[in-house]
Amino acid sequence: MQRIQKSFKVPSTEDFKSKLLIWAQQFEAISWLDSNQYHQKYSSFDAVLAVDEFTSIKTDYTNAFEQLKEYQSITEDYLFGYLSYDLKNDVEELSSKNYDGLDFADLYFFQPQRIIFIKGNTVEFLYLKMIDDEIESDFEAITKLSPQNFSPQEDIGSAKPDIKIKLRIHKDEYYQKVNSILKHIHRGDIYEASFCQEFYAENATINPLETYHHLNAISEPPFATFFKCDHQYLLSASPERYIKKEGTKVVSQPIKGTAKRLISKVDDAQIAFDLSRDEKERSENIMIVDLVRNDLSRIAVKGSVKVEELCQVYSFRQVHQLVSTVVSEVKKTTNPVDIIKETFPMGSMTGAPKISAMKIIEEEEETKRGLYSGAVGYFTPTGDFDFNVVIRSILYNEENNYVSFSVGGAITSKSTPEREYEECLLKAKAMKLVLTNSN
């Protein structure tokens, strides 16, 4: 599919980004991916907007990866979309029987008519040839809009009574479930499990764009996402990359290990240093690194899987995290969808061994994960791709007024229910703060 490219310079990237998201709201399909200028070694652009569905695929998990492979091969174009956690049922003999208040499709990708990349102060329009005469008028329409500024310093601390956040698993029950998982670990069934819980609000109405802006402003993550598919929204402040392919190189960057940020620079530096040496947090991360290495080796060129970074401390606005980087090489003939299928779901959201862990967490969790702990990202026409991990995210079904966010932690032999619960509350803080103050 032929695309026409035109570039423009803008005086203020932040102003243009704000206007761009306002302009995008007219479309039924929106994918906005923003690095918040968190320049990592493997960044390809600062931000990208894809809107206006030309073709699409939406399906449940049954043969989902084969359908995606066929769709990606036929279009040979940019595709933006998501993979829900429950695609695990297509990869393995598994099921998802827990409650689902959001009702997202298991897989959705669309071929956008309009794509806008932001790289520094350059804005690059990449439109399908059939609408390339609209580039100039779209750029003019966007620049004429008034930007909306959302600052982390804004007063978003007073709760609004119309959003009542409930817990799907209450504290005592959470403790029991963690102890149940610990019994599995002590028996040798698993080494680690990513156990998650849902916070939700029923009969709730939010402004998705405003909510996203507030969440992004207080977190400023490298893999922020505003995603819309009709009446369903993902508002994500994810710090984690699941997997990226660039040429024949594949990169995965699992996160495991968390510590809160502190106001004092000295204390904050100390807690980051302590995290880097914390035996329990490092063991969480290293177990997942081994799992990722194993997943990548299934489809990599023999001997090419390497750990580039192990337990490196990355500091984000809300938390410090331990991040590892695992790389590998694939053959030029390897289908990109096969790489995802062989490594999905990501190890940081399952546990080890992966299949046993997924079975146990399905029993202990009360909510179908759906898009939470899945992935959002894109394919390029040449078969490269980049996907985040859907964490630190708010999901919203505008049709049934259901709002949800989930958080979790890695349960290992060194875990205690009390500490895991505290970590969940720390991770939930930003979403809860934003939701109880959204118009």
Protein backbone atom coordinates (compact mmCIF):
# COMPACT_ATOMS: atom_id res chain seq x y z
CA MET A 1 0.00 0.00 0.00
CA GLN A 2 1.57 3.26 -1.13
CA ARG A 3 1.93 6.10 1.35
CA ILE A 4 2.82 9.73 0.74
CA GLN A 5 5.18 11.47 3.17
CA LYS A 6 5.35 15.18 4.03
CA SER A 7 7.30 16.78 6.87
CA PHE A 8 6.81 20.03 8.80
CA LYS A 9 8.73 21.84 11.53
CA VAL A 10 6.85 22.89 14.68
CA PRO A 11 8.04 25.49 17.24
CA SER A 12 6.82 23.53 20.28
CA THR A 13 6.58 19.75 20.27
CA GLU A 14 4.56 19.63 23.49
CA ASP A 15 1.97 22.11 22.18
CA PHE A 16 1.67 20.19 18.92
CA LYS A 17 1.26 16.87 20.76
CA SER A 18 -1.55 18.30 22.86
CA LYS A 19 -3.34 19.71 19.79
CA LEU A 20 -2.81 16.45 17.90
CA LEU A 21 -4.59 14.39 20.54
CA ILE A 22 -7.54 16.79 20.59
CA TRP A 23 -7.77 16.58 16.78
CA ALA A 24 -7.59 12.76 16.91
CA GLN A 25 -10.75 12.41 19.02
CA GLN A 26 -12.96 12.63 15.91
CA PHE A 27 -11.86 9.13 14.83
CA GLU A 28 -13.23 5.75 15.97
CA ALA A 29 -9.77 4.11 15.94
CA ILE A 30 -6.88 5.91 17.66
CA SER A 31 -3.41 4.70 18.62
CA TRP A 32 -1.13 7.24 20.31
CA LEU A 33 2.29 6.05 21.48
CA ASP A 34 4.49 8.56 23.35
CA SER A 35 8.01 8.06 24.75
CA ASN A 36 7.79 11.31 26.77
CA GLN A 37 11.29 12.04 25.44
CA TYR A 38 12.61 9.19 27.57
CA HIS A 39 15.33 8.44 25.06
CA GLN A 40 16.41 4.85 25.33
CA LYS A 41 18.95 3.01 23.24
CA TYR A 42 16.20 1.36 21.19
CA SER A 43 13.86 4.34 20.63
CA SER A 44 12.68 4.87 17.02
CA PHE A 45 10.73 8.13 17.43
CA ASP A 46 9.43 10.49 20.12
CA ALA A 47 5.73 9.84 19.47
CA VAL A 48 3.36 8.53 16.81
CA LEU A 49 -0.36 8.92 16.13
CA ALA A 50 -2.26 6.46 13.94
CA VAL A 51 -5.95 7.13 13.20
CA ASP A 52 -8.75 6.48 10.74
CA GLU A 53 -9.15 2.75 10.18
CA PHE A 54 -8.85 1.60 6.55
CA THR A 55 -8.82 -2.15 7.20
CA SER A 56 -8.76 -4.07 10.49
CA ILE A 57 -8.80 -7.44 12.22
CA LYS A 58 -10.71 -8.10 15.45
CA THR A 59 -11.02 -11.59 16.88
CA ASP A 60 -11.13 -13.81 19.94
CA TYR A 61 -8.16 -16.03 20.80
CA THR A 62 -9.08 -18.96 18.51
CA ASN A 63 -6.35 -19.16 15.82
CA ALA A 64 -5.70 -15.49 16.53
CA PHE A 65 -1.99 -15.54 15.75
CA GLU A 66 -2.53 -17.32 12.42
CA GLN A 67 -5.18 -14.76 11.48
CA LEU A 68 -2.82 -11.93 12.45
CA LYS A 69 -0.01 -13.52 10.43
CA GLU A 70 -2.23 -13.68 7.35
CA TYR A 71 -3.46 -10.09 7.83
CA GLN A 72 0.06 -8.73 8.35
CA SER A 73 1.39 -10.61 5.30
CA ILE A 74 -1.41 -9.41 3.02
CA THR A 75 -1.40 -5.73 4.02
CA GLU A 76 2.40 -5.21 4.08
CA ASP A 77 1.70 -1.85 5.70
CA TYR A 78 1.77 -0.18 9.11
CA LEU A 79 -0.56 -1.91 11.58
CA PHE A 80 -1.38 -0.58 15.04
CA GLY A 81 -3.20 -2.53 17.73
CA TYR A 82 -3.12 -4.77 20.74
CA LEU A 83 -2.65 -8.33 21.94
CA SER A 84 -4.67 -9.25 25.04
CA TYR A 85 -3.22 -11.48 27.75
CA ASP A 86 -5.87 -14.11 26.98
CA LEU A 87 -4.19 -14.96 23.68
CA LYS A 88 -2.32 -17.36 25.96
CA ASN A 89 -5.25 -19.67 25.19
CA ASP A 90 -4.22 -19.72 21.52
CA VAL A 91 -0.59 -20.49 22.39
CA GLU A 92 -1.24 -23.17 25.04
CA GLU A 93 -4.09 -25.42 26.20
CA LEU A 94 -5.36 -22.84 28.67
CA SER A 95 -8.62 -21.04 29.41
CA SER A 96 -9.91 -17.76 30.88
CA LYS A 97 -13.03 -18.20 33.00
CA ASN A 98 -12.83 -15.23 35.37
CA TYR A 99 -15.14 -12.21 35.40
CA ASP A 100 -14.75 -9.66 32.58
CA GLY A 101 -16.40 -6.26 32.98
CA LEU A 102 -14.58 -4.65 30.04
CA ASP A 103 -15.36 -7.01 27.15
CA PHE A 104 -12.43 -6.09 24.89
CA ALA A 105 -11.74 -8.33 21.88
CA ASP A 106 -8.74 -10.62 22.42
CA LEU A 107 -6.89 -9.15 19.42
CA TYR A 108 -7.38 -5.98 17.40
CA PHE A 109 -5.18 -4.33 14.76
CA PHE A 110 -5.99 -1.68 12.20
CA GLN A 111 -4.34 -0.28 9.10
CA PRO A 112 -4.55 3.51 9.54
CA GLN A 113 -5.19 5.92 6.71
CA ARG A 114 -3.33 8.66 8.61
CA ILE A 115 -0.05 8.27 10.52
CA ILE A 116 1.85 11.17 12.11
CA PHE A 117 5.36 10.66 13.53
CA ILE A 118 7.06 13.17 15.84
CA LYS A 119 10.86 13.21 15.93
CA GLY A 120 12.27 16.23 17.75
CA ASN A 121 10.69 19.32 16.18
CA THR A 122 9.92 17.49 12.94
CA VAL A 123 6.40 16.21 12.29
CA GLU A 124 6.15 13.60 9.55
CA PHE A 125 2.77 12.86 7.92
CA LEU A 126 2.48 9.45 6.28
CA TYR A 127 -0.93 9.15 4.58
CA LEU A 128 -2.35 6.56 2.23
CA LYS A 129 -2.09 7.88 -1.33
CA MET A 130 -5.89 8.10 -1.71
CA ILE A 131 -6.04 10.90 0.91
CA ASP A 132 -2.60 12.53 0.53
CA ASP A 133 -4.26 15.78 -0.59
CA GLU A 134 -5.57 16.15 3.00
CA ILE A 135 -2.13 16.39 4.64
CA GLU A 136 -1.81 20.17 4.33
CA SER A 137 -5.35 20.85 5.51
CA ASP A 138 -4.98 18.43 8.46
CA PHE A 139 -1.70 20.07 9.53
CA GLU A 140 -3.37 23.49 9.35
CA ALA A 141 -6.41 22.28 11.32
CA ILE A 142 -4.19 20.80 14.04
CA THR A 143 -2.02 23.90 14.44
CA LYS A 144 -5.09 26.15 14.74
CA LEU A 145 -6.41 24.25 17.78
CA SER A 146 -5.82 25.48 21.33
CA PRO A 147 -3.50 23.12 23.25
CA GLN A 148 -4.55 21.63 26.58
CA ASN A 149 -1.87 21.63 29.24
CA PHE A 150 -1.99 19.10 32.07
CA SER A 151 0.73 19.51 34.66
CA PRO A 152 1.68 17.07 37.42
CA GLN A 153 1.62 20.08 39.71
CA GLU A 154 -2.10 20.59 39.08
CA ASP A 155 -4.38 20.07 42.03
CA ILE A 156 -5.70 16.58 41.38
CA GLY A 157 -5.74 15.54 44.98
CA SER A 158 -9.36 16.06 46.03
CA ALA A 159 -11.59 13.05 45.47
CA LYS A 160 -14.77 13.29 43.40
CA PRO A 161 -17.73 11.38 44.86
CA ASP A 162 -19.01 10.01 41.52
CA ILE A 163 -16.09 7.55 41.06
CA LYS A 164 -16.08 4.89 43.74
CA ILE A 165 -13.12 2.53 43.43
CA LYS A 166 -13.77 -1.02 44.64
CA LEU A 167 -11.38 -3.94 45.14
CA ARG A 168 -12.15 -7.26 43.48
CA ILE A 169 -9.96 -9.00 46.10
CA HIS A 170 -9.99 -7.60 49.63
CA LYS A 171 -6.92 -7.52 51.86
CA ASP A 172 -7.53 -10.68 53.94
CA GLU A 173 -8.43 -12.68 50.83
CA TYR A 174 -5.35 -11.31 49.05
CA TYR A 175 -3.16 -12.57 51.92
CA GLN A 176 -4.79 -16.02 51.66
CA LYS A 177 -4.21 -16.17 47.92
CA VAL A 178 -0.54 -15.16 48.23
CA ASN A 179 -0.08 -17.87 50.87
CA SER A 180 -1.72 -20.37 48.50
CA ILE A 181 0.75 -19.40 45.74
CA LEU A 182 3.63 -19.69 48.24
CA LYS A 183 2.55 -23.29 48.96
CA HIS A 184 2.86 -24.04 45.24
CA ILE A 185 6.35 -22.50 45.27
CA HIS A 186 7.44 -24.46 48.35
CA ARG A 187 6.14 -27.67 46.72
CA GLY A 188 8.23 -26.92 43.65
CA ASP A 189 5.29 -26.46 41.26
CA ILE A 190 6.62 -23.02 40.26
CA TYR A 191 9.45 -20.64 41.17
CA GLU A 192 7.60 -17.38 40.64
CA ALA A 193 4.09 -16.14 39.79
CA SER A 194 2.88 -12.71 38.74
CA PHE A 195 -0.30 -12.37 40.79
CA CYS A 196 -2.62 -9.47 39.95
CA GLN A 197 -5.73 -7.87 41.41
CA GLU A 198 -8.34 -5.53 39.94
CA PHE A 199 -9.58 -2.16 41.17
CA TYR A 200 -12.78 -1.09 39.42
CA ALA A 201 -15.69 1.35 39.31
CA GLU A 202 -19.20 0.62 38.02
CA ASN A 203 -21.64 3.20 36.61
CA ALA A 204 -18.65 5.49 36.15
CA THR A 205 -18.17 8.14 33.49
CA ILE A 206 -14.74 9.60 32.78
CA ASN A 207 -13.25 11.91 30.18
CA PRO A 208 -10.73 9.54 28.52
CA LEU A 209 -8.46 12.23 27.07
CA GLU A 210 -8.32 14.27 30.27
CA THR A 211 -7.74 11.12 32.32
CA TYR A 212 -4.89 10.08 30.01
CA HIS A 213 -3.29 13.53 30.23
CA HIS A 214 -3.37 13.46 34.03
CA LEU A 215 -2.00 9.92 34.22
CA ASN A 216 0.77 10.70 31.77
CA ALA A 217 1.65 13.97 33.51
CA ILE A 218 2.23 12.37 36.91
CA SER A 219 4.09 9.34 35.50
CA GLU A 220 5.85 10.47 32.26
CA PRO A 221 6.65 6.88 31.22
CA PRO A 222 8.57 5.81 28.11
CA PHE A 223 5.69 3.73 26.71
CA ALA A 224 2.61 5.89 27.24
CA THR A 225 -0.49 5.00 25.21
CA PHE A 226 -3.89 6.47 24.40
CA PHE A 227 -5.78 3.79 22.50
CA LYS A 228 -9.38 3.91 21.34
CA CYS A 229 -11.43 1.27 19.54
CA ASP A 230 -15.02 2.53 19.21
CA HIS A 231 -16.31 2.78 22.82
CA GLN A 232 -13.33 1.07 24.48
CA TYR A 233 -10.25 2.90 25.73
CA LEU A 234 -6.79 2.10 27.04
CA LEU A 235 -5.05 4.92 28.94
CA SER A 236 -1.59 3.65 29.76
CA ALA A 237 1.48 4.93 31.59
CA SER A 238 3.56 1.82 30.99
CA PRO A 239 7.29 1.89 31.77
CA GLU A 240 7.97 -1.50 30.16
CA ARG A 241 8.85 -2.71 26.69
CA TYR A 242 7.70 -6.25 25.91
CA ILE A 243 9.52 -6.87 22.64
CA LYS A 244 10.95 -5.02 19.66
CA LYS A 245 12.21 -6.24 16.27
CA GLU A 246 14.52 -4.10 14.16
CA GLY A 247 15.89 -5.88 11.12
CA THR A 248 17.07 -9.24 12.41
CA LYS A 249 17.61 -8.01 15.99
CA VAL A 250 15.02 -8.76 18.68
CA VAL A 251 15.03 -6.94 22.04
CA SER A 252 13.04 -7.73 25.20
CA GLN A 253 13.25 -5.59 28.36
CA PRO A 254 11.46 -7.24 31.31
CA ILE A 255 10.86 -5.27 34.51
CA LYS A 256 10.81 -6.95 37.91
CA GLY A 257 11.77 -5.17 41.12
CA THR A 258 10.22 -1.96 42.46
CA ALA A 259 11.04 0.76 45.01
CA LYS A 260 9.24 4.04 45.67
CA ARG A 261 10.76 7.42 44.84
CA LEU A 262 11.69 9.70 47.77
CA ILE A 263 11.70 13.51 47.94
CA SER A 264 15.25 13.85 49.30
CA LYS A 265 17.84 13.33 46.55
CA VAL A 266 20.17 11.62 48.99
CA ASP A 267 17.46 9.27 50.29
CA ASP A 268 16.21 8.64 46.75
CA ALA A 269 19.70 7.71 45.55
CA GLN A 270 20.10 5.40 48.56
CA ILE A 271 16.81 3.57 47.94
CA ALA A 272 17.78 3.10 44.27
CA PHE A 273 21.15 1.68 45.36
CA ASP A 274 19.42 -0.59 47.89
CA LEU A 275 17.06 -1.84 45.16
CA SER A 276 20.03 -2.77 42.95
CA ARG A 277 21.38 -4.98 45.76
CA ASP A 278 18.05 -6.32 47.11
CA GLU A 279 18.29 -10.12 46.99
CA LYS A 280 14.55 -10.71 46.68
CA GLU A 281 14.01 -8.09 43.95
CA ARG A 282 17.05 -9.26 41.95
CA SER A 283 15.96 -12.91 42.17
CA GLU A 284 12.52 -11.92 40.76
CA ASN A 285 14.20 -10.24 37.82
CA ILE A 286 16.80 -12.93 37.14
CA MET A 287 14.18 -15.70 37.07
CA ILE A 288 12.22 -13.78 34.42
CA VAL A 289 15.42 -13.07 32.45
CA ASP A 290 16.03 -16.82 32.29
CA LEU A 291 12.46 -17.33 31.09
CA VAL A 292 12.82 -14.61 28.40
CA ARG A 293 16.12 -16.13 27.24
CA ASN A 294 14.38 -19.49 26.91
CA ASP A 295 11.44 -17.96 24.99
CA LEU A 296 13.71 -16.07 22.58
CA SER A 297 15.94 -19.11 22.00
CA ARG A 298 12.99 -20.99 20.46
CA ILE A 299 13.08 -18.77 17.40
CA ALA A 300 16.54 -17.14 17.53
CA VAL A 301 19.66 -17.97 15.57
CA LYS A 302 21.52 -20.54 17.69
CA GLY A 303 23.87 -18.91 20.22
CA SER A 304 22.60 -15.38 19.58
CA VAL A 305 20.61 -14.83 22.80
CA LYS A 306 22.53 -12.48 25.12
CA VAL A 307 21.80 -10.50 28.28
CA GLU A 308 22.82 -6.92 27.50
CA GLU A 309 21.77 -5.47 30.88
CA LEU A 310 21.00 -7.37 34.08
CA CYS A 311 19.03 -5.73 36.91
CA GLN A 312 19.80 -2.17 35.84
CA VAL A 313 18.02 0.50 37.93
CA TYR A 314 15.78 2.74 35.79
CA SER A 315 14.20 5.69 37.58
CA PHE A 316 10.71 6.87 36.64
CA ARG A 317 8.62 9.65 38.17
CA GLN A 318 6.71 7.36 40.57
CA VAL A 319 9.09 4.44 41.15
CA HIS A 320 12.56 2.96 40.63
CA GLN A 321 12.53 -0.34 38.69
CA LEU A 322 14.99 -3.12 37.90
CA VAL A 323 15.13 -3.54 34.12
CA SER A 324 17.03 -6.18 32.18
CA THR A 325 17.67 -6.18 28.43
CA VAL A 326 17.82 -9.46 26.52
CA VAL A 327 18.71 -9.47 22.81
CA SER A 328 18.84 -12.07 20.06
CA GLU A 329 19.11 -12.45 16.28
CA VAL A 330 16.55 -14.08 13.99
CA LYS A 331 16.81 -15.22 10.39
CA LYS A 332 15.60 -12.75 7.73
CA THR A 333 12.96 -15.29 6.71
CA THR A 334 11.44 -15.55 10.21
CA ASN A 335 7.84 -14.35 10.27
CA PRO A 336 7.44 -11.44 12.74
CA VAL A 337 4.16 -12.79 14.15
CA ASP A 338 5.88 -16.10 14.97
CA ILE A 339 8.40 -14.22 17.14
CA ILE A 340 5.55 -12.74 19.18
CA LYS A 341 3.67 -16.03 19.39
CA GLU A 342 6.74 -17.89 20.71
CA THR A 343 7.34 -15.31 23.47
CA PHE A 344 3.73 -14.44 24.44
CA PRO A 345 2.57 -13.68 27.08
CA MET A 346 5.64 -11.85 28.36
CA GLY A 347 7.45 -13.56 31.23
CA SER A 348 7.29 -10.53 33.52
CA MET A 349 3.48 -10.92 33.70
CA THR A 350 3.31 -14.71 34.06
CA GLY A 351 6.00 -16.38 36.12
CA ALA A 352 8.23 -19.42 35.86
CA PRO A 353 7.79 -22.07 34.62
CA LYS A 354 5.40 -20.11 32.42
CA ILE A 355 2.59 -22.60 31.74
CA SER A 356 2.34 -23.82 35.35
CA ALA A 357 2.38 -20.24 36.60
CA MET A 358 -0.40 -19.20 34.18
CA LYS A 359 -2.59 -22.08 35.37
CA ILE A 360 -2.10 -21.17 39.04
CA ILE A 361 -2.68 -17.44 38.63
CA GLU A 362 -5.85 -18.15 36.62
CA GLU A 363 -7.14 -20.08 39.64
CA GLU A 364 -6.19 -17.43 42.20
CA GLU A 365 -7.15 -14.25 40.32
CA GLU A 366 -10.79 -13.12 40.26
CA THR A 367 -10.77 -11.10 37.02
CA LYS A 368 -10.06 -11.98 33.40
CA ARG A 369 -6.99 -9.91 32.56
CA GLY A 370 -7.97 -9.07 28.99
CA LEU A 371 -5.87 -6.21 27.67
CA TYR A 372 -4.20 -5.69 31.06
CA SER A 373 -0.79 -7.42 30.94
CA GLY A 374 -1.18 -7.79 27.20
CA ALA A 375 0.66 -5.53 24.75
CA VAL A 376 0.04 -2.49 22.54
CA GLY A 377 2.23 -1.53 19.61
CA TYR A 378 2.71 -1.62 15.86
CA PHE A 379 4.14 -3.41 12.83
CA THR A 380 6.00 -1.60 10.05
CA PRO A 381 5.62 -2.51 6.34
CA THR A 382 8.95 -4.38 6.49
CA GLY A 383 7.84 -6.57 9.43
CA ASP A 384 9.62 -4.73 12.24
CA PHE A 385 7.59 -4.16 15.40
CA ASP A 386 7.60 -2.68 18.90
CA PHE A 387 5.21 -3.54 21.76
CA ASN A 388 4.88 -2.35 25.34
CA VAL A 389 3.50 -4.22 28.35
CA VAL A 390 0.05 -3.00 29.39
CA ILE A 391 0.63 -2.13 33.05
CA ARG A 392 0.03 1.08 35.06
CA SER A 393 -3.04 1.48 32.87
CA ILE A 394 -6.71 2.45 33.06
CA LEU A 395 -9.20 0.55 30.88
CA TYR A 396 -12.63 2.01 30.16
CA ASN A 397 -15.75 0.69 28.44
CA GLU A 398 -17.78 3.81 27.68
CA GLU A 399 -20.83 1.77 26.67
CA ASN A 400 -21.34 0.04 30.02
CA ASN A 401 -19.58 2.73 32.14
CA TYR A 402 -17.05 0.29 33.57
CA VAL A 403 -13.60 1.54 34.62
CA SER A 404 -10.82 -0.81 35.64
CA PHE A 405 -7.16 -0.90 36.55
CA SER A 406 -5.13 -3.84 37.79
CA VAL A 407 -1.82 -4.15 39.56
CA GLY A 408 0.34 -7.08 40.55
CA GLY A 409 3.64 -8.31 41.82
CA ALA A 410 5.98 -11.26 41.53
CA ILE A 411 5.46 -13.85 44.23
CA THR A 412 8.66 -15.78 45.04
CA SER A 413 9.81 -17.89 47.98
CA LYS A 414 11.06 -14.69 49.64
CA SER A 415 7.68 -12.92 49.36
CA THR A 416 5.42 -12.00 52.25
CA PRO A 417 1.72 -11.15 51.75
CA GLU A 418 2.20 -7.84 53.61
CA ARG A 419 5.05 -6.63 51.41
CA GLU A 420 3.34 -7.73 48.19
CA TYR A 421 0.16 -5.90 49.19
CA GLU A 422 2.13 -2.72 49.92
CA GLU A 423 3.78 -2.97 46.48
CA CYS A 424 0.35 -3.29 44.83
CA LEU A 425 -0.88 -0.15 46.60
CA LEU A 426 2.26 1.72 45.49
CA LYS A 427 1.67 0.71 41.86
CA ALA A 428 -2.04 1.59 42.11
CA LYS A 429 -1.41 5.06 43.50
CA ALA A 430 -1.21 7.01 40.22
CA MET A 431 -4.29 5.38 38.65
CA LYS A 432 -6.36 5.80 41.80
CA LEU A 433 -5.34 9.46 42.17
CA VAL A 434 -6.23 10.23 38.57
CA LEU A 435 -9.53 8.33 38.51
CA THR A 436 -10.98 9.84 41.62
CA ASN A 437 -10.33 13.26 40.12
CA SER A 438 -11.43 12.79 36.51
CA ASN A 439 -14.34 14.75 35.14
